[in-house]
Amino acid sequence: MTKNACIFCDIINRKAAGSIVYEDELVIAFHDAFPLNPGHILVVPKVHAKDIAEIDEKSLWRMSSVAQDLAKSLLGVASLACTGVNLLMANGSSAGQEVMHAHLHVIPRRDGDGIRVSGPGKVKAMPREQMNHYAAHIHDMFAKKSISEQVVLRTDRLLLRPFTLSDADDVQRLAGDYDIASTTSTIPHPYPDGVAEEWIRSHRSNLAGGKAVNFAIVRHDDSALIGSIGLLNMKQRDLQAELGCWIGKPFWGAGYATEATRAVLRYGFESLGLNRIQACHMTRNHASGRIFEKLGMTKEGVLRQAIRKFDAFEDSAVYGLLRTEYEAAGLG
C-alpha cells in the first residue's frame, strides 16, 4: 500500500470490497472488518477528510443523521440481540484512530458483551459470510428509511433535484407540448392549469410512503429545468421500481435523457438497494428504446395494446435491468 493510500477511499471508489449498508451523495456506511460486536458499522464521508476538523459541515450533519437511523435499525435486528448502541468517533492516533479517514462508529451493544469502548482495539476479523448476513438484515430495514429523504444527484451537465412549486409553470409549458404528451401514458394534452402544482404536491407523500421518488432535471450552466425523471411504482418487498422520464422538446438530441437515466439507475441500485428496475415505452417511440439498450437494459417483451392514448390503443415495450447485470457490466 502506498503512503497516501486510504482503504476507505478504495471502498468508496469500489477498488476494495466493503459490506455496504447505505450510500448517498455525501456519505457511505459499511461494516467494520474488525467489529467490536457483530453489526458494527462505520459511517464515512465520501470526500476524504482526515478527521472531524476537515469534514465539511453538511457531510458531518449527514453522518450524524445516518448514524441515528442506523442505530434505530440495529435495535430492530433480532439476530443481533442488540439492547443498546454506542456512537464513537476517534480523532487522531492518541484517541485511537487507526484509519486516517474520518469515520463514525455505530456499535451495537448487548448486556454482558464485555466490551469497554475507549477507542477501537485489535480484534479478530469477522468472516465475510457472517458480515454479509448481518448486512442483509440491516440493509432491508434501512432501505425504507433511505428513500424517506430525497437526495440530490449530480452528473457532468445536470442536477437532479426535488421539484418545487416554482417549477410548475415550466412543467406545464414543457410537458404540455403535444409531442411529449403523445408518447407518455399519463401526461394530458392540453395540459390543464393547476395539474402541475397538484403533481408536484404529491411527491412528498409518495416519497414518504416509499412509492416513488421524482427528480427535476436541471442544467448546471443556466439552471434551466429541462425535464423530469423518477423511480415510480416502487415495491419495497420485491425491491423493484419503474423508471419514468421525459425531456422537454427544446432539449432533445443532446443526450440529457441518457445522462439522467444513468444517474438514476445508479441511485436505485447502489443507494436504494433495488434488485430490478424496469422501463416501458410505446413501441413507436424508438428513441426511448435506444436509450434503454445503450444503458444495458434488456428488452423483455411487448404488451399488446396496453396503453390507451388519445382514444387509440398502443403497444408497450418492456425493458428490465437486474442489479447483478448492472454490477457485472460496471454500469455505475
C-alpha atoms as a PDB file:
ATOM      1  CA  MET A   1       0.000   0.000   0.000  1.00  0.00           C
ATOM      2  CA  THR A   2       1.374   3.427  -0.896  1.00  0.00           C
ATOM      3  CA  LYS A   3       1.988   6.098   1.687  1.00  0.00           C
ATOM      4  CA  ASN A   4      -1.126   8.057   0.719  1.00  0.00           C
ATOM      5  CA  ALA A   5      -3.413   5.051   0.132  1.00  0.00           C
ATOM      6  CA  CYS A   6      -6.731   5.020   2.002  1.00  0.00           C
ATOM      7  CA  ILE A   7      -8.740   1.829   2.381  1.00  0.00           C
ATOM      8  CA  PHE A   8     -11.961   3.784   2.929  1.00  0.00           C
ATOM      9  CA  CYS A   9     -11.436   5.744  -0.301  1.00  0.00           C
ATOM     10  CA  ASP A  10     -10.835   2.412  -2.053  1.00  0.00           C
ATOM     11  CA  ILE A  11     -14.173   1.099  -0.741  1.00  0.00           C
ATOM     12  CA  ILE A  12     -15.929   4.320  -1.825  1.00  0.00           C
ATOM     13  CA  ASN A  13     -14.398   4.033  -5.311  1.00  0.00           C
ATOM     14  CA  ARG A  14     -15.121   0.272  -5.487  1.00  0.00           C
ATOM     15  CA  LYS A  15     -11.427  -0.597  -5.595  1.00  0.00           C
ATOM     16  CA  ALA A  16     -11.778  -2.649  -2.407  1.00  0.00           C
ATOM     17  CA  ALA A  17     -14.594  -4.838  -1.126  1.00  0.00           C
ATOM     18  CA  GLY A  18     -16.913  -3.472   1.528  1.00  0.00           C
ATOM     19  CA  SER A  19     -20.139  -4.754   3.046  1.00  0.00           C
ATOM     20  CA  ILE A  20     -22.161  -1.608   2.278  1.00  0.00           C
ATOM     21  CA  VAL A  21     -25.475  -0.974   4.048  1.00  0.00           C
ATOM     22  CA  TYR A  22     -26.147   2.622   2.937  1.00  0.00           C
ATOM     23  CA  GLU A  23     -24.833   5.198   0.472  1.00  0.00           C
ATOM     24  CA  ASP A  24     -25.873   8.621  -0.790  1.00  0.00           C
ATOM     25  CA  GLU A  25     -24.077  11.540  -2.426  1.00  0.00           C
ATOM     26  CA  LEU A  26     -22.343  12.607   0.816  1.00  0.00           C
ATOM     27  CA  VAL A  27     -21.680   9.527   2.951  1.00  0.00           C
ATOM     28  CA  ILE A  28     -21.311   5.771   2.826  1.00  0.00           C
ATOM     29  CA  ALA A  29     -21.878   3.223   5.608  1.00  0.00           C
ATOM     30  CA  PHE A  30     -20.337  -0.249   5.704  1.00  0.00           C
ATOM     31  CA  HIS A  31     -19.487  -2.962   8.210  1.00  0.00           C
ATOM     32  CA  ASP A  32     -16.231  -2.672  10.115  1.00  0.00           C
ATOM     33  CA  ALA A  33     -13.945  -5.530   9.016  1.00  0.00           C
ATOM     34  CA  PHE A  34     -12.768  -5.854  12.640  1.00  0.00           C
ATOM     35  CA  PRO A  35     -16.014  -5.392  14.581  1.00  0.00           C
ATOM     36  CA  LEU A  36     -16.228  -4.917  18.320  1.00  0.00           C
ATOM     37  CA  ASN A  37     -19.608  -6.653  18.079  1.00  0.00           C
ATOM     38  CA  PRO A  38     -21.475  -8.245  15.137  1.00  0.00           C
ATOM     39  CA  GLY A  39     -23.248  -5.483  13.206  1.00  0.00           C
ATOM     40  CA  HIS A  40     -20.554  -2.830  13.949  1.00  0.00           C
ATOM     41  CA  ILE A  41     -20.885  -0.198  11.196  1.00  0.00           C
ATOM     42  CA  LEU A  42     -18.721   2.738  10.071  1.00  0.00           C
ATOM     43  CA  VAL A  43     -20.267   5.906   8.634  1.00  0.00           C
ATOM     44  CA  VAL A  44     -17.745   7.658   6.397  1.00  0.00           C
ATOM     45  CA  PRO A  45     -17.751  10.932   4.388  1.00  0.00           C
ATOM     46  CA  LYS A  46     -17.253  10.262   0.669  1.00  0.00           C
ATOM     47  CA  VAL A  47     -14.850  13.201   0.297  1.00  0.00           C
ATOM     48  CA  HIS A  48     -11.618  12.316   2.075  1.00  0.00           C
ATOM     49  CA  ALA A  49     -11.224  14.151   5.370  1.00  0.00           C
ATOM     50  CA  LYS A  50      -8.548  13.175   7.884  1.00  0.00           C
ATOM     51  CA  ASP A  51     -10.609  13.912  10.979  1.00  0.00           C
ATOM     52  CA  ILE A  52     -13.545  15.920  12.315  1.00  0.00           C
ATOM     53  CA  ALA A  53     -11.712  19.205  11.747  1.00  0.00           C
ATOM     54  CA  GLU A  54     -11.584  18.579   7.986  1.00  0.00           C
ATOM     55  CA  ILE A  55     -15.146  17.371   7.392  1.00  0.00           C
ATOM     56  CA  ASP A  56     -17.443  19.901   5.752  1.00  0.00           C
ATOM     57  CA  GLU A  57     -20.459  20.840   7.859  1.00  0.00           C
ATOM     58  CA  LYS A  58     -23.046  19.285   5.527  1.00  0.00           C
ATOM     59  CA  SER A  59     -21.265  15.919   5.434  1.00  0.00           C
ATOM     60  CA  LEU A  60     -20.829  15.902   9.216  1.00  0.00           C
ATOM     61  CA  TRP A  61     -24.541  16.588   9.685  1.00  0.00           C
ATOM     62  CA  ARG A  62     -25.375  13.801   7.248  1.00  0.00           C
ATOM     63  CA  MET A  63     -23.053  11.362   9.033  1.00  0.00           C
ATOM     64  CA  SER A  64     -24.894  12.069  12.281  1.00  0.00           C
ATOM     65  CA  SER A  65     -28.309  11.650  10.657  1.00  0.00           C
ATOM     66  CA  VAL A  66     -27.362   8.350   9.019  1.00  0.00           C
ATOM     67  CA  ALA A  67     -25.794   7.080  12.248  1.00  0.00           C
ATOM     68  CA  GLN A  68     -29.023   7.858  14.108  1.00  0.00           C
ATOM     69  CA  ASP A  69     -31.105   5.896  11.600  1.00  0.00           C
ATOM     70  CA  LEU A  70     -28.646   3.004  11.614  1.00  0.00           C
ATOM     71  CA  ALA A  71     -28.765   2.864  15.412  1.00  0.00           C
ATOM     72  CA  LYS A  72     -32.557   2.579  15.249  1.00  0.00           C
ATOM     73  CA  SER A  73     -32.246  -0.183  12.656  1.00  0.00           C
ATOM     74  CA  LEU A  74     -29.675  -2.143  14.699  1.00  0.00           C
ATOM     75  CA  LEU A  75     -32.013  -2.159  17.674  1.00  0.00           C
ATOM     76  CA  GLY A  76     -34.581  -3.925  15.494  1.00  0.00           C
ATOM     77  CA  VAL A  77     -32.371  -6.758  14.191  1.00  0.00           C
ATOM     78  CA  ALA A  78     -33.437  -9.743  16.269  1.00  0.00           C
ATOM     79  CA  SER A  79     -30.375 -11.866  15.460  1.00  0.00           C
ATOM     80  CA  LEU A  80     -28.079  -9.200  16.956  1.00  0.00           C
ATOM     81  CA  ALA A  81     -29.925  -9.189  20.311  1.00  0.00           C
ATOM     82  CA  CYS A  82     -28.977  -5.517  20.445  1.00  0.00           C
ATOM     83  CA  THR A  83     -30.166  -3.632  23.538  1.00  0.00           C
ATOM     84  CA  GLY A  84     -28.019  -0.518  23.182  1.00  0.00           C
ATOM     85  CA  VAL A  85     -25.778   1.366  20.742  1.00  0.00           C
ATOM     86  CA  ASN A  86     -22.502   3.259  21.089  1.00  0.00           C
ATOM     87  CA  LEU A  87     -21.636   6.118  18.721  1.00  0.00           C
ATOM     88  CA  LEU A  88     -17.901   6.753  18.711  1.00  0.00           C
ATOM     89  CA  MET A  89     -15.633   8.997  16.649  1.00  0.00           C
ATOM     90  CA  ALA A  90     -11.891   8.792  17.270  1.00  0.00           C
ATOM     91  CA  ASN A  91      -9.860  11.762  16.009  1.00  0.00           C
ATOM     92  CA  GLY A  92      -6.102  11.358  15.938  1.00  0.00           C
ATOM     93  CA  SER A  93      -3.878   8.416  16.831  1.00  0.00           C
ATOM     94  CA  SER A  94      -3.818   9.346  20.516  1.00  0.00           C
ATOM     95  CA  ALA A  95      -7.611   8.969  20.553  1.00  0.00           C
ATOM     96  CA  GLY A  96      -7.434   5.527  18.944  1.00  0.00           C
ATOM     97  CA  GLN A  97      -7.915   6.494  15.277  1.00  0.00           C
ATOM     98  CA  GLU A  98      -6.247   3.894  13.059  1.00  0.00           C
ATOM     99  CA  VAL A  99      -7.526   4.794   9.564  1.00  0.00           C
ATOM    100  CA  MET A 100      -6.865   8.467   8.854  1.00  0.00           C
ATOM    101  CA  HIS A 101     -10.139   8.987   7.012  1.00  0.00           C
ATOM    102  CA  ALA A 102     -12.749  10.358   9.398  1.00  0.00           C
ATOM    103  CA  HIS A 103     -15.395   7.826  10.405  1.00  0.00           C
ATOM    104  CA  LEU A 104     -18.169   7.426  12.931  1.00  0.00           C
ATOM    105  CA  HIS A 105     -18.558   4.033  14.622  1.00  0.00           C
ATOM    106  CA  VAL A 106     -22.071   2.683  15.228  1.00  0.00           C
ATOM    107  CA  ILE A 107     -21.574  -0.224  17.618  1.00  0.00           C
ATOM    108  CA  PRO A 108     -24.457  -2.488  18.711  1.00  0.00           C
ATOM    109  CA  ARG A 109     -24.302  -3.467  22.367  1.00  0.00           C
ATOM    110  CA  ARG A 110     -25.934  -6.161  24.443  1.00  0.00           C
ATOM    111  CA  ASP A 111     -25.911  -6.965  28.143  1.00  0.00           C
ATOM    112  CA  GLY A 112     -22.744  -8.707  29.270  1.00  0.00           C
ATOM    113  CA  ASP A 113     -20.842  -8.338  25.986  1.00  0.00           C
ATOM    114  CA  GLY A 114     -17.723  -7.362  27.958  1.00  0.00           C
ATOM    115  CA  ILE A 115     -16.720  -4.527  25.641  1.00  0.00           C
ATOM    116  CA  ARG A 116     -15.146  -1.387  27.070  1.00  0.00           C
ATOM    117  CA  VAL A 117     -15.273   1.379  24.476  1.00  0.00           C
ATOM    118  CA  SER A 118     -12.181   3.552  24.840  1.00  0.00           C
ATOM    119  CA  GLY A 119     -11.168   3.518  21.198  1.00  0.00           C
ATOM    120  CA  PRO A 120     -11.001   0.786  18.541  1.00  0.00           C
ATOM    121  CA  GLY A 121      -8.835  -2.136  19.542  1.00  0.00           C
ATOM    122  CA  LYS A 122      -7.175  -5.044  17.808  1.00  0.00           C
ATOM    123  CA  VAL A 123      -9.884  -7.643  17.413  1.00  0.00           C
ATOM    124  CA  LYS A 124     -10.470 -10.640  15.204  1.00  0.00           C
ATOM    125  CA  ALA A 125     -11.853 -10.002  11.728  1.00  0.00           C
ATOM    126  CA  MET A 126     -15.419 -11.162  11.147  1.00  0.00           C
ATOM    127  CA  PRO A 127     -15.817 -13.798   8.388  1.00  0.00           C
ATOM    128  CA  ARG A 128     -17.163 -12.251   5.186  1.00  0.00           C
ATOM    129  CA  GLU A 129     -20.162 -14.616   5.123  1.00  0.00           C
ATOM    130  CA  GLN A 130     -21.237 -13.584   8.631  1.00  0.00           C
ATOM    131  CA  MET A 131     -20.709  -9.906   7.843  1.00  0.00           C
ATOM    132  CA  ASN A 132     -22.882 -10.155   4.728  1.00  0.00           C
ATOM    133  CA  HIS A 133     -25.564 -11.981   6.723  1.00  0.00           C
ATOM    134  CA  TYR A 134     -25.903  -9.048   9.123  1.00  0.00           C
ATOM    135  CA  ALA A 135     -25.587  -6.553   6.278  1.00  0.00           C
ATOM    136  CA  ALA A 136     -28.576  -8.095   4.507  1.00  0.00           C
ATOM    137  CA  HIS A 137     -30.780  -7.795   7.601  1.00  0.00           C
ATOM    138  CA  ILE A 138     -29.738  -4.216   8.317  1.00  0.00           C
ATOM    139  CA  HIS A 139     -29.967  -3.143   4.674  1.00  0.00           C
ATOM    140  CA  ASP A 140     -33.529  -4.446   4.364  1.00  0.00           C
ATOM    141  CA  MET A 141     -34.577  -2.486   7.445  1.00  0.00           C
ATOM    142  CA  PHE A 142     -32.678   0.646   6.429  1.00  0.00           C
ATOM    143  CA  ALA A 143     -33.794   0.692   2.780  1.00  0.00           C
ATOM    144  CA  LYS A 144     -37.193   2.107   3.656  1.00  0.00           C
ATOM    145  CA  LYS A 145     -35.581   4.973   5.556  1.00  0.00           C
ATOM    146  CA  SER A 146     -33.106   5.710   2.780  1.00  0.00           C
ATOM    147  CA  ILE A 147     -35.878   6.854   0.457  1.00  0.00           C
ATOM    148  CA  SER A 148     -37.705   8.954   3.046  1.00  0.00           C
ATOM    149  CA  GLU A 149     -35.363  11.885   2.461  1.00  0.00           C
ATOM    150  CA  GLN A 150     -34.740  12.702  -1.187  1.00  0.00           C
ATOM    151  CA  VAL A 151     -31.163  13.236  -2.259  1.00  0.00           C
ATOM    152  CA  VAL A 152     -29.766  15.480  -4.981  1.00  0.00           C
ATOM    153  CA  LEU A 153     -27.859  13.753  -7.799  1.00  0.00           C
ATOM    154  CA  ARG A 154     -25.188  15.416  -9.923  1.00  0.00           C
ATOM    155  CA  THR A 155     -23.786  14.476 -13.322  1.00  0.00           C
ATOM    156  CA  ASP A 156     -21.360  16.252 -15.629  1.00  0.00           C
ATOM    157  CA  ARG A 157     -24.046  18.573 -17.012  1.00  0.00           C
ATOM    158  CA  LEU A 158     -27.106  18.033 -14.866  1.00  0.00           C
ATOM    159  CA  LEU A 159     -28.515  18.477 -11.379  1.00  0.00           C
ATOM    160  CA  LEU A 160     -31.338  16.110 -10.394  1.00  0.00           C
ATOM    161  CA  ARG A 161     -33.198  17.719  -7.504  1.00  0.00           C
ATOM    162  CA  PRO A 162     -36.666  17.665  -5.929  1.00  0.00           C
ATOM    163  CA  PHE A 163     -39.373  19.660  -7.697  1.00  0.00           C
ATOM    164  CA  THR A 164     -40.692  22.824  -6.065  1.00  0.00           C
ATOM    165  CA  LEU A 165     -43.950  24.643  -6.747  1.00  0.00           C
ATOM    166  CA  SER A 166     -41.947  27.343  -8.533  1.00  0.00           C
ATOM    167  CA  ASP A 167     -41.277  24.735 -11.263  1.00  0.00           C
ATOM    168  CA  ALA A 168     -44.977  24.358 -12.092  1.00  0.00           C
ATOM    169  CA  ASP A 169     -45.056  26.855 -14.990  1.00  0.00           C
ATOM    170  CA  ASP A 170     -42.059  25.203 -16.672  1.00  0.00           C
ATOM    171  CA  VAL A 171     -43.570  21.741 -16.162  1.00  0.00           C
ATOM    172  CA  GLN A 172     -46.866  22.834 -17.740  1.00  0.00           C
ATOM    173  CA  ARG A 173     -45.088  24.501 -20.666  1.00  0.00           C
ATOM    174  CA  LEU A 174     -42.687  21.644 -21.428  1.00  0.00           C
ATOM    175  CA  ALA A 175     -44.828  18.613 -20.630  1.00  0.00           C
ATOM    176  CA  GLY A 176     -47.817  20.226 -22.294  1.00  0.00           C
ATOM    177  CA  ASP A 177     -46.167  20.032 -25.726  1.00  0.00           C
ATOM    178  CA  TYR A 178     -48.139  17.621 -27.895  1.00  0.00           C
ATOM    179  CA  ASP A 179     -45.029  15.637 -28.857  1.00  0.00           C
ATOM    180  CA  ILE A 180     -44.256  14.998 -25.167  1.00  0.00           C
ATOM    181  CA  ALA A 181     -47.785  14.113 -24.148  1.00  0.00           C
ATOM    182  CA  SER A 182     -48.335  11.828 -27.141  1.00  0.00           C
ATOM    183  CA  THR A 183     -45.507   9.484 -26.130  1.00  0.00           C
ATOM    184  CA  THR A 184     -46.335   9.204 -22.424  1.00  0.00           C
ATOM    185  CA  SER A 185     -49.194   7.328 -20.835  1.00  0.00           C
ATOM    186  CA  THR A 186     -50.075   9.818 -18.083  1.00  0.00           C
ATOM    187  CA  ILE A 187     -49.388  13.371 -19.327  1.00  0.00           C
ATOM    188  CA  PRO A 188     -52.560  15.077 -20.572  1.00  0.00           C
ATOM    189  CA  HIS A 189     -52.948  17.305 -23.615  1.00  0.00           C
ATOM    190  CA  PRO A 190     -53.941  20.076 -23.453  1.00  0.00           C
ATOM    191  CA  TYR A 191     -52.246  20.426 -20.060  1.00  0.00           C
ATOM    192  CA  PRO A 192     -54.806  21.994 -17.659  1.00  0.00           C
ATOM    193  CA  ASP A 193     -53.950  24.780 -15.231  1.00  0.00           C
ATOM    194  CA  GLY A 194     -53.250  23.529 -11.707  1.00  0.00           C
ATOM    195  CA  VAL A 195     -52.281  19.980 -12.717  1.00  0.00           C
ATOM    196  CA  ALA A 196     -48.542  20.649 -12.430  1.00  0.00           C
ATOM    197  CA  GLU A 197     -48.952  22.050  -8.912  1.00  0.00           C
ATOM    198  CA  GLU A 198     -51.060  19.055  -7.864  1.00  0.00           C
ATOM    199  CA  TRP A 199     -48.490  16.653  -9.310  1.00  0.00           C
ATOM    200  CA  ILE A 200     -45.604  18.370  -7.512  1.00  0.00           C
ATOM    201  CA  ARG A 201     -47.500  18.375  -4.199  1.00  0.00           C
ATOM    202  CA  SER A 202     -47.966  14.601  -4.497  1.00  0.00           C
ATOM    203  CA  HIS A 203     -44.213  13.979  -4.496  1.00  0.00           C
ATOM    204  CA  ARG A 204     -43.735  14.410  -0.750  1.00  0.00           C
ATOM    205  CA  SER A 205     -46.359  11.826   0.249  1.00  0.00           C
ATOM    206  CA  ASN A 206     -45.202   9.378  -2.433  1.00  0.00           C
ATOM    207  CA  LEU A 207     -41.637   9.730  -1.167  1.00  0.00           C
ATOM    208  CA  ALA A 208     -42.631   9.319   2.485  1.00  0.00           C
ATOM    209  CA  GLY A 209     -44.661   6.229   1.604  1.00  0.00           C
ATOM    210  CA  GLY A 210     -41.807   4.670  -0.352  1.00  0.00           C
ATOM    211  CA  LYS A 211     -43.925   4.683  -3.508  1.00  0.00           C
ATOM    212  CA  ALA A 212     -41.907   6.950  -5.802  1.00  0.00           C
ATOM    213  CA  VAL A 213     -39.058   9.426  -5.989  1.00  0.00           C
ATOM    214  CA  ASN A 214     -39.201  12.208  -8.592  1.00  0.00           C
ATOM    215  CA  PHE A 215     -36.347  14.416  -9.768  1.00  0.00           C
ATOM    216  CA  ALA A 216     -36.423  17.676 -11.695  1.00  0.00           C
ATOM    217  CA  ILE A 217     -33.715  17.596 -14.382  1.00  0.00           C
ATOM    218  CA  VAL A 218     -31.853  20.910 -14.329  1.00  0.00           C
ATOM    219  CA  ARG A 219     -28.825  22.045 -16.352  1.00  0.00           C
ATOM    220  CA  HIS A 220     -25.768  23.201 -14.445  1.00  0.00           C
ATOM    221  CA  ASP A 221     -24.810  26.033 -16.763  1.00  0.00           C
ATOM    222  CA  ASP A 222     -28.065  28.021 -16.796  1.00  0.00           C
ATOM    223  CA  SER A 223     -30.261  26.327 -14.126  1.00  0.00           C
ATOM    224  CA  ALA A 224     -32.903  25.633 -16.771  1.00  0.00           C
ATOM    225  CA  LEU A 225     -35.443  22.937 -15.932  1.00  0.00           C
ATOM    226  CA  ILE A 226     -35.398  20.593 -18.918  1.00  0.00           C
ATOM    227  CA  GLY A 227     -37.429  17.569 -17.833  1.00  0.00           C
ATOM    228  CA  SER A 228     -38.369  15.004 -15.228  1.00  0.00           C
ATOM    229  CA  ILE A 229     -37.148  11.571 -14.196  1.00  0.00           C
ATOM    230  CA  GLY A 230     -38.109   9.246 -11.385  1.00  0.00           C
ATOM    231  CA  LEU A 231     -38.396   5.790  -9.912  1.00  0.00           C
ATOM    232  CA  LEU A 232     -42.120   5.058  -9.818  1.00  0.00           C
ATOM    233  CA  ASN A 233     -44.456   2.282  -8.659  1.00  0.00           C
ATOM    234  CA  MET A 234     -41.868   1.144  -6.129  1.00  0.00           C
ATOM    235  CA  LYS A 235     -42.393  -2.208  -4.461  1.00  0.00           C
ATOM    236  CA  GLN A 236     -40.404  -2.400  -1.235  1.00  0.00           C
ATOM    237  CA  ARG A 237     -40.987  -6.107  -0.703  1.00  0.00           C
ATOM    238  CA  ASP A 238     -39.776  -7.020  -4.184  1.00  0.00           C
ATOM    239  CA  LEU A 239     -37.087  -4.284  -4.293  1.00  0.00           C
ATOM    240  CA  GLN A 240     -38.125  -3.053  -7.717  1.00  0.00           C
ATOM    241  CA  ALA A 241     -39.283   0.134  -9.406  1.00  0.00           C
ATOM    242  CA  GLU A 242     -40.258   1.527 -12.788  1.00  0.00           C
ATOM    243  CA  LEU A 243     -38.227   4.241 -14.483  1.00  0.00           C
ATOM    244  CA  GLY A 244     -40.123   7.209 -15.903  1.00  0.00           C
ATOM    245  CA  CYS A 245     -38.565  10.097 -17.819  1.00  0.00           C
ATOM    246  CA  TRP A 246     -39.378  12.922 -20.206  1.00  0.00           C
ATOM    247  CA  ILE A 247     -37.203  15.674 -21.668  1.00  0.00           C
ATOM    248  CA  GLY A 248     -38.674  18.946 -22.975  1.00  0.00           C
ATOM    249  CA  LYS A 249     -38.669  19.138 -26.767  1.00  0.00           C
ATOM    250  CA  PRO A 250     -36.298  22.162 -26.972  1.00  0.00           C
ATOM    251  CA  PHE A 251     -33.654  20.000 -25.278  1.00  0.00           C
ATOM    252  CA  TRP A 252     -33.935  16.857 -27.417  1.00  0.00           C
ATOM    253  CA  GLY A 253     -30.890  15.382 -29.119  1.00  0.00           C
ATOM    254  CA  ALA A 254     -28.279  16.443 -26.544  1.00  0.00           C
ATOM    255  CA  GLY A 255     -28.036  13.152 -24.630  1.00  0.00           C
ATOM    256  CA  TYR A 256     -29.673  14.527 -21.479  1.00  0.00           C
ATOM    257  CA  ALA A 257     -32.082  11.603 -21.093  1.00  0.00           C
ATOM    258  CA  THR A 258     -29.234   9.068 -21.219  1.00  0.00           C
ATOM    259  CA  GLU A 259     -27.167  11.060 -18.713  1.00  0.00           C
ATOM    260  CA  ALA A 260     -30.049  11.452 -16.263  1.00  0.00           C
ATOM    261  CA  THR A 261     -31.157   7.832 -16.600  1.00  0.00           C
ATOM    262  CA  ARG A 262     -27.662   6.533 -15.888  1.00  0.00           C
ATOM    263  CA  ALA A 263     -27.564   8.572 -12.653  1.00  0.00           C
ATOM    264  CA  VAL A 264     -30.978   7.342 -11.511  1.00  0.00           C
ATOM    265  CA  LEU A 265     -30.110   3.712 -12.250  1.00  0.00           C
ATOM    266  CA  ARG A 266     -27.024   4.093 -10.088  1.00  0.00           C
ATOM    267  CA  TYR A 267     -29.062   5.701  -7.305  1.00  0.00           C
ATOM    268  CA  GLY A 268     -31.675   2.940  -7.471  1.00  0.00           C
ATOM    269  CA  PHE A 269     -29.245   0.049  -7.333  1.00  0.00           C
ATOM    270  CA  GLU A 270     -26.449   1.460  -5.161  1.00  0.00           C
ATOM    271  CA  SER A 271     -28.303   3.738  -2.730  1.00  0.00           C
ATOM    272  CA  LEU A 272     -31.796   2.248  -2.515  1.00  0.00           C
ATOM    273  CA  GLY A 273     -30.631  -1.342  -2.916  1.00  0.00           C
ATOM    274  CA  LEU A 274     -33.185  -2.195  -5.615  1.00  0.00           C
ATOM    275  CA  ASN A 275     -32.919  -5.575  -7.302  1.00  0.00           C
ATOM    276  CA  ARG A 276     -34.779  -4.713 -10.514  1.00  0.00           C
ATOM    277  CA  ILE A 277     -35.572  -1.548 -12.459  1.00  0.00           C
ATOM    278  CA  GLN A 278     -37.845  -1.715 -15.449  1.00  0.00           C
ATOM    279  CA  ALA A 279     -38.955   0.797 -18.053  1.00  0.00           C
ATOM    280  CA  CYS A 280     -41.677   0.876 -20.698  1.00  0.00           C
ATOM    281  CA  HIS A 281     -42.248   2.904 -23.855  1.00  0.00           C
ATOM    282  CA  MET A 282     -44.747   2.988 -26.678  1.00  0.00           C
ATOM    283  CA  THR A 283     -43.276   0.919 -29.486  1.00  0.00           C
ATOM    284  CA  ARG A 284     -43.467   3.835 -31.914  1.00  0.00           C
ATOM    285  CA  ASN A 285     -41.173   5.839 -29.607  1.00  0.00           C
ATOM    286  CA  HIS A 286     -37.935   4.306 -30.866  1.00  0.00           C
ATOM    287  CA  ALA A 287     -35.687   6.903 -29.186  1.00  0.00           C
ATOM    288  CA  SER A 288     -36.585   5.643 -25.699  1.00  0.00           C
ATOM    289  CA  GLY A 289     -35.776   2.073 -26.686  1.00  0.00           C
ATOM    290  CA  ARG A 290     -32.340   3.108 -27.912  1.00  0.00           C
ATOM    291  CA  ILE A 291     -31.594   4.819 -24.591  1.00  0.00           C
ATOM    292  CA  PHE A 292     -32.603   1.762 -22.571  1.00  0.00           C
ATOM    293  CA  GLU A 293     -30.493  -0.535 -24.731  1.00  0.00           C
ATOM    294  CA  LYS A 294     -27.498   1.826 -24.523  1.00  0.00           C
ATOM    295  CA  LEU A 295     -27.692   1.589 -20.726  1.00  0.00           C
ATOM    296  CA  GLY A 296     -27.672  -2.206 -20.709  1.00  0.00           C
ATOM    297  CA  MET A 297     -31.386  -2.874 -20.230  1.00  0.00           C
ATOM    298  CA  THR A 298     -32.846  -6.000 -21.815  1.00  0.00           C
ATOM    299  CA  LYS A 299     -36.000  -5.907 -23.932  1.00  0.00           C
ATOM    300  CA  GLU A 300     -38.250  -8.448 -22.269  1.00  0.00           C
ATOM    301  CA  GLY A 301     -41.294  -8.295 -24.494  1.00  0.00           C
ATOM    302  CA  VAL A 302     -44.168  -6.237 -25.893  1.00  0.00           C
ATOM    303  CA  LEU A 303     -47.511  -5.753 -24.153  1.00  0.00           C
ATOM    304  CA  ARG A 304     -50.043  -5.506 -26.945  1.00  0.00           C
ATOM    305  CA  GLN A 305     -52.462  -2.548 -26.806  1.00  0.00           C
ATOM    306  CA  ALA A 306     -51.513  -1.991 -23.156  1.00  0.00           C
ATOM    307  CA  ILE A 307     -51.857   1.813 -23.256  1.00  0.00           C
ATOM    308  CA  ARG A 308     -54.809   3.911 -24.337  1.00  0.00           C
ATOM    309  CA  LYS A 309     -53.706   7.316 -25.599  1.00  0.00           C
ATOM    310  CA  PHE A 310     -55.896   9.843 -27.394  1.00  0.00           C
ATOM    311  CA  ASP A 311     -58.551   7.149 -27.970  1.00  0.00           C
ATOM    312  CA  ALA A 312     -56.063   4.788 -29.625  1.00  0.00           C
ATOM    313  CA  PHE A 313     -54.542   1.636 -28.127  1.00  0.00           C
ATOM    314  CA  GLU A 314     -50.743   1.493 -28.129  1.00  0.00           C
ATOM    315  CA  ASP A 315     -48.319  -1.419 -27.797  1.00  0.00           C
ATOM    316  CA  SER A 316     -45.815  -1.054 -24.954  1.00  0.00           C
ATOM    317  CA  ALA A 317     -42.251  -2.444 -24.990  1.00  0.00           C
ATOM    318  CA  VAL A 318     -40.883  -3.561 -21.603  1.00  0.00           C
ATOM    319  CA  TYR A 319     -37.205  -3.365 -20.649  1.00  0.00           C
ATOM    320  CA  GLY A 320     -35.586  -4.610 -17.448  1.00  0.00           C
ATOM    321  CA  LEU A 321     -32.245  -4.434 -15.664  1.00  0.00           C
ATOM    322  CA  LEU A 322     -31.231  -6.520 -12.643  1.00  0.00           C
ATOM    323  CA  ARG A 323     -28.733  -5.439 -10.020  1.00  0.00           C
ATOM    324  CA  THR A 324     -26.472  -8.407 -10.854  1.00  0.00           C
ATOM    325  CA  GLU A 325     -26.443  -7.315 -14.511  1.00  0.00           C
ATOM    326  CA  TYR A 326     -25.763  -3.703 -13.522  1.00  0.00           C
ATOM    327  CA  GLU A 327     -22.820  -4.737 -11.343  1.00  0.00           C
ATOM    328  CA  ALA A 328     -21.374  -7.229 -13.850  1.00  0.00           C
ATOM    329  CA  ALA A 329     -21.437  -4.633 -16.642  1.00  0.00           C
ATOM    330  CA  GLY A 330     -19.892  -1.894 -14.493  1.00  0.00           C
ATOM    331  CA  LEU A 331     -22.696   0.447 -15.494  1.00  0.00           C
ATOM    332  CA  GLY A 332     -22.244   2.763 -12.495  1.00  0.00           C
END
